[in-house]
Amino acid sequence: MPVHEVRLTRSASVAEGTKAFFFSRPAGFTFHAGQSLLLSLIAPPETDGEGDSRTFTIASAPHEPELMIATRMRDTAFKRVLQSLPPGTGLDIDGPNGEMILEDDASRPVVFLAGGIGITPFRSMALCAAHARLPHRIVLIYGNRRSEDAAFLDELEETGRRNPNFRLVAVMSEAGKSAHPWSGETGFIRRALIERHVAEPKTALYYFAGPPAMTAAMRALLEELGVGEASMRYEEFYGY
C-alpha cells in the first residue's frame, strides 16, 4: 500500500479516558468500513521500544470527509506525543488494511459484538450502512462498564433512530458506579443477552474485534450458541 501524509485537523474527547483524532483525507484514499491503517509519527520528540507506528481501525465511515481514529489514552510515548500535536502537524498513514468488512449478502442477520474501544470498526460500519441505506439487518451489542466509558454512544443511539434496520443494545457491567441513571441492559455480553436480542442467533453472521482474550471469549460463547467458525468474522489487536 502507498504511504500518504495526512494532517491532524482536531481532536475531541469521545468518552472518559478516550479521544478521537481527526486527519485530512488524502485525495483518492478509499477504504471499506471496518478496515484499519498504520499511523506513524514523523520525527517525534520521544519514542519507546514499540517504535513510532501503531495500527488503528478507521473509526470514520467511508463517506465522511475526514479520517478518524479513537483510542484509550494510556501513558505511553506514542500517545503522549499524539496528544500533544498541534493541528496541522503531519503524520504518515499506510493502508487501508484488513478483511473484516460487511459482506454484500444481506439475507442473513448481522450481529456486531463490541466491548470498550473495540467499537471503532462498528461505528464505521453502522454509519456506512445508514448512509448507504443498506438492507442488512444489524444488531450491535456494545458492552462497557458505565455509560461514561462508552465511546460514540449517543451517535449510535441516533443511528438506530435513523436506520430501521439497525438496533443498538448497550450493556453496562458497572452501571451503579455511573453518575448517570441507566435503564438499559446490565451485566456482560452473555448467551442469554444474545438470545434475548437476536431473533435467529444460530443463523446470524457475527463480527467482533479485540485483544486475544476477548476474541477467544466471544468464540467460545458463540460456539456454545451453536454458531460455527464459518459464521464468525473477527480480528485480534493488542492494547498499547
Protein backbone atom coordinates (compact mmCIF):
# COMPACT_ATOMS: atom_id res chain seq x y z
CA MET A 1 0.00 0.00 0.00
CA PRO A 2 1.26 3.54 -0.70
CA VAL A 3 2.18 5.77 2.23
CA HIS A 4 0.21 9.03 2.45
CA GLU A 5 0.95 12.11 4.51
CA VAL A 6 -2.03 13.46 6.43
CA ARG A 7 -2.53 16.48 8.68
CA LEU A 8 -4.05 16.41 12.14
CA THR A 9 -7.11 18.65 11.99
CA ARG A 10 -8.51 18.31 15.52
CA SER A 11 -9.07 16.01 18.47
CA ALA A 12 -12.00 15.53 20.82
CA SER A 13 -12.95 13.52 23.89
CA VAL A 14 -15.48 10.82 22.98
CA ALA A 15 -15.65 9.04 26.37
CA GLU A 16 -13.93 9.20 29.71
CA GLY A 17 -10.26 8.49 29.01
CA THR A 18 -10.86 8.11 25.27
CA LYS A 19 -10.05 10.59 22.49
CA ALA A 20 -10.75 10.77 18.79
CA PHE A 21 -8.19 12.23 16.40
CA PHE A 22 -9.23 13.60 13.02
CA PHE A 23 -6.99 13.85 9.98
CA SER A 24 -7.19 15.30 6.49
CA ARG A 25 -8.11 12.69 3.92
CA PRO A 26 -5.63 12.25 1.06
CA ALA A 27 -7.00 12.67 -2.44
CA GLY A 28 -8.12 9.31 -3.79
CA PHE A 29 -7.83 7.49 -0.45
CA THR A 30 -10.65 4.94 -0.29
CA PHE A 31 -11.43 2.21 2.22
CA HIS A 32 -14.17 -0.16 3.32
CA ALA A 33 -15.91 0.31 6.65
CA GLY A 34 -14.13 -1.87 9.20
CA GLN A 35 -10.62 -1.55 7.76
CA SER A 36 -7.55 -0.18 9.55
CA LEU A 37 -4.45 1.88 8.86
CA LEU A 38 -0.91 2.15 10.18
CA LEU A 39 -0.35 5.62 11.68
CA SER A 40 3.25 6.85 12.01
CA LEU A 41 4.60 9.88 13.85
CA ILE A 42 7.15 11.91 11.92
CA ALA A 43 10.34 12.69 13.90
CA PRO A 44 8.63 12.56 17.31
CA PRO A 45 10.38 14.18 20.31
CA GLU A 46 10.27 10.87 22.22
CA THR A 47 9.85 7.20 21.37
CA ASP A 48 9.97 3.78 23.03
CA GLY A 49 10.71 0.18 22.20
CA GLU A 50 7.44 -0.17 20.28
CA GLY A 51 8.55 2.37 17.69
CA ASP A 52 6.76 5.33 16.13
CA SER A 53 3.89 3.49 14.38
CA ARG A 54 0.65 1.94 15.58
CA THR A 55 -2.28 0.22 13.84
CA PHE A 56 -5.71 1.78 14.35
CA THR A 57 -9.11 0.91 12.98
CA ILE A 58 -10.54 3.70 10.85
CA ALA A 59 -13.46 4.78 13.02
CA SER A 60 -14.83 7.21 10.45
CA ALA A 61 -17.20 5.95 7.77
CA PRO A 62 -16.12 5.95 4.10
CA HIS A 63 -18.50 8.80 3.22
CA GLU A 64 -17.16 11.15 5.91
CA PRO A 65 -14.70 13.83 4.75
CA GLU A 66 -12.05 13.30 7.45
CA LEU A 67 -10.25 10.18 8.63
CA MET A 68 -10.77 9.49 12.31
CA ILE A 69 -9.29 7.10 14.85
CA ALA A 70 -10.22 6.73 18.51
CA THR A 71 -8.11 5.34 21.34
CA ARG A 72 -7.88 4.95 25.09
CA MET A 73 -5.32 7.44 26.34
CA ARG A 74 -2.59 5.46 28.11
CA ASP A 75 0.68 6.94 29.36
CA THR A 76 2.94 5.77 26.53
CA ALA A 77 5.46 7.70 24.45
CA PHE A 78 3.36 7.33 21.29
CA LYS A 79 0.16 8.58 22.90
CA ARG A 80 1.87 11.38 24.81
CA VAL A 81 3.24 12.70 21.52
CA LEU A 82 -0.03 12.16 19.63
CA GLN A 83 -1.99 14.03 22.29
CA SER A 84 0.43 16.97 22.27
CA LEU A 85 0.45 17.51 18.49
CA PRO A 86 -0.98 20.85 17.35
CA PRO A 87 -3.47 20.96 14.47
CA GLY A 88 -1.68 20.98 11.14
CA THR A 89 1.02 18.51 12.17
CA GLY A 90 1.89 15.97 9.52
CA LEU A 91 1.77 12.19 10.04
CA ASP A 92 2.08 9.22 7.71
CA ILE A 93 -0.56 6.57 7.11
CA ASP A 94 -0.18 3.22 5.38
CA GLY A 95 -3.29 1.34 4.32
CA PRO A 96 -6.10 0.56 4.26
CA ASN A 97 -5.66 -2.94 5.67
CA GLY A 98 -7.93 -5.67 7.00
CA GLU A 99 -10.64 -8.01 5.76
CA MET A 100 -13.32 -7.58 8.44
CA ILE A 101 -15.80 -5.75 6.26
CA LEU A 102 -19.56 -6.04 5.86
CA GLU A 103 -20.42 -8.70 3.29
CA ASP A 104 -22.68 -7.92 0.34
CA ASP A 105 -25.13 -10.71 1.16
CA ALA A 106 -27.91 -9.11 3.21
CA SER A 107 -30.04 -12.26 3.59
CA ARG A 108 -28.53 -13.20 6.96
CA PRO A 109 -28.92 -11.11 10.11
CA VAL A 110 -25.69 -9.47 11.27
CA VAL A 111 -24.56 -9.14 14.87
CA PHE A 112 -21.71 -6.87 15.97
CA LEU A 113 -20.20 -7.73 19.37
CA ALA A 114 -18.14 -4.85 20.78
CA GLY A 115 -16.53 -4.05 24.10
CA GLY A 116 -14.96 -0.72 25.01
CA ILE A 117 -12.75 0.80 22.34
CA GLY A 118 -13.45 -2.26 20.17
CA ILE A 119 -16.43 -0.23 18.96
CA THR A 120 -14.34 1.59 16.33
CA PRO A 121 -14.90 -0.71 13.31
CA PHE A 122 -18.60 -0.97 14.13
CA ARG A 123 -19.06 2.79 14.36
CA SER A 124 -17.73 2.95 10.78
CA MET A 125 -19.91 0.03 9.61
CA ALA A 126 -23.08 1.29 11.32
CA LEU A 127 -22.79 4.81 9.90
CA CYS A 128 -21.91 3.45 6.46
CA ALA A 129 -24.96 1.16 6.46
CA ALA A 130 -27.24 4.02 7.47
CA HIS A 131 -25.77 6.43 4.89
CA ALA A 132 -25.94 3.90 2.04
CA ARG A 133 -29.37 2.65 3.17
CA LEU A 134 -28.14 -0.92 3.10
CA PRO A 135 -30.77 -3.63 3.64
CA HIS A 136 -28.64 -5.54 6.18
CA ARG A 137 -30.42 -6.25 9.47
CA ILE A 138 -27.84 -5.33 12.09
CA VAL A 139 -27.81 -5.68 15.87
CA LEU A 140 -24.90 -4.06 17.71
CA ILE A 141 -24.34 -5.41 21.23
CA TYR A 142 -21.99 -2.93 22.92
CA GLY A 143 -20.57 -3.62 26.36
CA ASN A 144 -18.94 -1.11 28.73
CA ARG A 145 -18.53 -0.59 32.46
CA ARG A 146 -20.52 2.68 32.57
CA SER A 147 -22.14 4.99 30.04
CA GLU A 148 -19.29 7.45 30.62
CA ASP A 149 -16.89 4.84 29.20
CA ALA A 150 -18.93 4.15 26.04
CA ALA A 151 -17.43 6.00 23.07
CA PHE A 152 -19.92 7.18 20.43
CA LEU A 153 -22.91 6.00 22.48
CA ASP A 154 -25.14 9.00 21.66
CA GLU A 155 -24.20 8.83 17.99
CA LEU A 156 -25.01 5.12 17.79
CA GLU A 157 -28.35 5.68 19.51
CA GLU A 158 -29.15 8.36 16.91
CA THR A 159 -28.10 5.97 14.11
CA GLY A 160 -30.62 3.47 15.44
CA ARG A 161 -33.35 6.09 15.21
CA ARG A 162 -32.40 6.91 11.60
CA ASN A 163 -31.94 3.36 10.32
CA PRO A 164 -34.82 0.94 10.97
CA ASN A 165 -32.53 -1.97 10.06
CA PHE A 166 -30.03 -1.13 12.84
CA ARG A 167 -30.55 -1.75 16.55
CA LEU A 168 -28.20 -0.87 19.38
CA VAL A 169 -28.16 -2.97 22.56
CA ALA A 170 -25.89 -1.23 25.09
CA VAL A 171 -25.00 -3.18 28.21
CA MET A 172 -23.21 -1.80 31.30
CA SER A 173 -21.37 -4.03 33.78
CA GLU A 174 -20.94 -1.35 36.48
CA ALA A 175 -23.97 0.86 35.89
CA GLY A 176 -24.29 1.53 39.62
CA LYS A 177 -20.94 3.37 39.57
CA SER A 178 -22.14 5.81 36.90
CA ALA A 179 -23.06 9.41 37.61
CA HIS A 180 -25.97 9.00 35.18
CA PRO A 181 -29.07 6.81 35.56
CA TRP A 182 -29.07 3.71 33.35
CA SER A 183 -32.26 1.85 32.41
CA GLY A 184 -30.80 -0.42 29.75
CA GLU A 185 -29.20 -3.86 29.91
CA THR A 186 -26.69 -4.59 32.67
CA GLY A 187 -24.02 -7.23 33.13
CA PHE A 188 -21.85 -8.66 30.39
CA ILE A 189 -22.23 -9.98 26.84
CA ARG A 190 -23.57 -13.44 27.58
CA ARG A 191 -25.56 -16.15 25.80
CA ALA A 192 -28.85 -15.07 27.37
CA LEU A 193 -28.31 -11.48 26.23
CA ILE A 194 -27.70 -12.56 22.64
CA GLU A 195 -30.70 -14.90 22.64
CA ARG A 196 -32.88 -12.11 24.02
CA HIS A 197 -31.99 -9.62 21.29
CA VAL A 198 -31.12 -11.72 18.21
CA ALA A 199 -34.14 -13.37 16.62
CA GLU A 200 -32.15 -16.07 14.81
CA PRO A 201 -28.92 -16.43 16.79
CA LYS A 202 -27.76 -19.66 15.12
CA THR A 203 -28.14 -18.31 11.58
CA ALA A 204 -26.66 -14.84 12.11
CA LEU A 205 -23.24 -13.67 10.94
CA TYR A 206 -21.14 -12.39 13.86
CA TYR A 207 -18.42 -9.73 13.81
CA PHE A 208 -16.13 -8.94 16.75
CA ALA A 209 -12.71 -7.43 17.37
CA GLY A 210 -10.46 -7.00 20.38
CA PRO A 211 -7.46 -8.36 22.28
CA PRO A 212 -6.87 -12.13 22.08
CA ALA A 213 -8.60 -12.87 25.41
CA MET A 214 -11.75 -11.05 24.26
CA THR A 215 -11.88 -12.73 20.85
CA ALA A 216 -11.32 -16.16 22.46
CA ALA A 217 -14.19 -15.49 24.88
CA MET A 218 -16.52 -14.43 22.07
CA ARG A 219 -15.62 -17.50 20.00
CA ALA A 220 -16.33 -19.78 22.97
CA LEU A 221 -19.63 -18.00 23.63
CA LEU A 222 -20.75 -18.35 20.02
CA GLU A 223 -19.71 -21.99 19.87
CA GLU A 224 -21.89 -22.55 22.95
CA LEU A 225 -24.75 -20.98 20.99
CA GLY A 226 -24.17 -23.44 18.16
CA VAL A 227 -22.55 -20.92 15.82
CA GLY A 228 -19.84 -22.33 13.55
CA GLU A 229 -16.47 -20.75 12.74
CA ALA A 230 -17.69 -20.00 9.20
CA SER A 231 -20.24 -17.58 10.66
CA MET A 232 -17.63 -15.54 12.57
CA ARG A 233 -15.65 -12.58 11.29
CA TYR A 234 -13.10 -11.24 13.73
CA GLU A 235 -9.73 -9.55 14.15
CA GLU A 236 -7.37 -9.53 17.13
CA PHE A 237 -5.45 -6.49 18.28
CA TYR A 238 -3.34 -5.63 21.28
CA GLY A 239 -3.78 -2.65 23.56
CA TYR A 240 -0.95 -0.15 23.88
